[in-house]
C-alpha cells in the first residue's frame, strides 16, 4: 500500500513538542518619543476625567500644568504630540507634509539606505564618541519625585512665582556660570522653574593651549517645578541655562542671609573672590574736601591697586586720585552682595550732590558715603557675626543702633 503524502498542514499539526511554536518578541524599552507621548497622555486622561485643563490647585495638578506649559512652548514636541491631542490642548499646529525626497534626504541614523557601506562591519558608527558621552551627561535624566517628597518644593516654587509677580524678584539674563550659578538660587530652563538645592563642588585643573586653567565642577541636585529632579553636572546645568534659560534674582532678605554662609571661618577649599575696599578722595574740589568722613565703599574682583590706578580719569572716583584706607578679603563669591548690603545699610548717608568736572560733565556719585570710618568697620563686623539685620544706621547721630522692633 502506498504511503500517504504529507502536506504542509500535516507537518504543522504533528508538532507534539511545540518545536514550531514561536512568539513574536516584544520589547518594553521605550523611546524618548514614547515617553513624551505617555507624558502627554496623562494630561489627556486628566481632561477625560475632569473635562478641564489642570491648574495649580494641588501638587498633582501643578505637575501636569507645568508639563502642558512646557509642551505648548516647544514647537518640536507640539508636532510630535498633535496627532494625540484629542482635546485640542496644543491649539493649531502646522504639520509638515513629507515627500519621497524628504524621506530619502532625512537623516538615516542606522544607515539603512547607505548601500555603499553594507560590508563595512568594522567601523562602529553607532558607538558613542567621547564627546557624545560628555553630551549625554549634559542633559542628565530627570527622575520623578514622590508626591510627599515634592510637597515642600511645591510651596517654595509657588512662593517664588508670587515674589516675581510682586516685583520682589526679577527675571534676568544668565551670562556667567561661576558668577551666576549658586546653590540655593532659582532659575528658568526651557520655561520651567528650577531650584539648585545642593552641589558637591571642587576645583579642577584642565589644560588649554594658553596654559592650565582652574574651574569649578561637581554634581548637583536640581529640583524642577514639574515634580522631577536631576543630578546633572554643575557646568552642564550652567550651559543649559545659558542656552535656554534665565536667572531669577533673590529678594533682599535672601541676599542678607547668603552673606552669612561660611563668613566666620575660612577653609582651604573656600575661594577668595574679591575685596571690599574703603577709599578716601584726594580731590582738591573745595565742595568735596570740606566734607569730613567722606568715604567710598566698593568692590573689586581683582587687585584693588589695579582697580584704582586710573582713578583720576574715572567719574566713579570723582576724577581724582584716592587713598586706600582699608581692604577686606571676601570668600565664596559673596563680595558683590556684601557691597550691595553695605550700600543699602548706609543709604541715608549717601553723598547727594551734583558736581561738574573740568570738561563740564555732570557727576552724581552714588558709592560715596558720609560715615565715620570706625562705623564702617563696625558694620562689617556685624555682618561677620550675622547680626546686621537687627541694626540700622542713624545718619543724624552717625552711629549704628538697634532697630526699634528688635
Foldseek 3Di string as FASTA:
>chain_A
DDDDDDDPVNVVVPCPPCPVDDDDDDDPDDDPLRVLQVLVVVQVVVCVVVVDGQDLPALLSQLNVQSLVLCLLDLVSCQSRVVVCPPCSNPDHDHDDDDPVNVVPDDPQVCPVVVVCPPVVPDPPPDDDPVRVVVCLLCFDKDFDDRVVCVVVLVVVVVLVVCVVVVQKDWAAQDDLLQQDDAQFWKAFSNWIKHFHFWDKAWDWDADPVGIDIDIKTWTWMAISSRIIGGGMSVSVSVRCNVGMTGMDHGLVVLLVVLAPCLQDDDPRWAFFWKWWKKAFPDPPPVRVVQPQKIFTDIDRDDPCVVQVQLLCDLLRVNGHIDTDDMDTDIDNSRVSVLVVLLVQQVVFFDADWDADPVRDIGGHGRIGRAHPVQVVVLVVCSNVSNNVQWGADPVVRHIDGDPVD
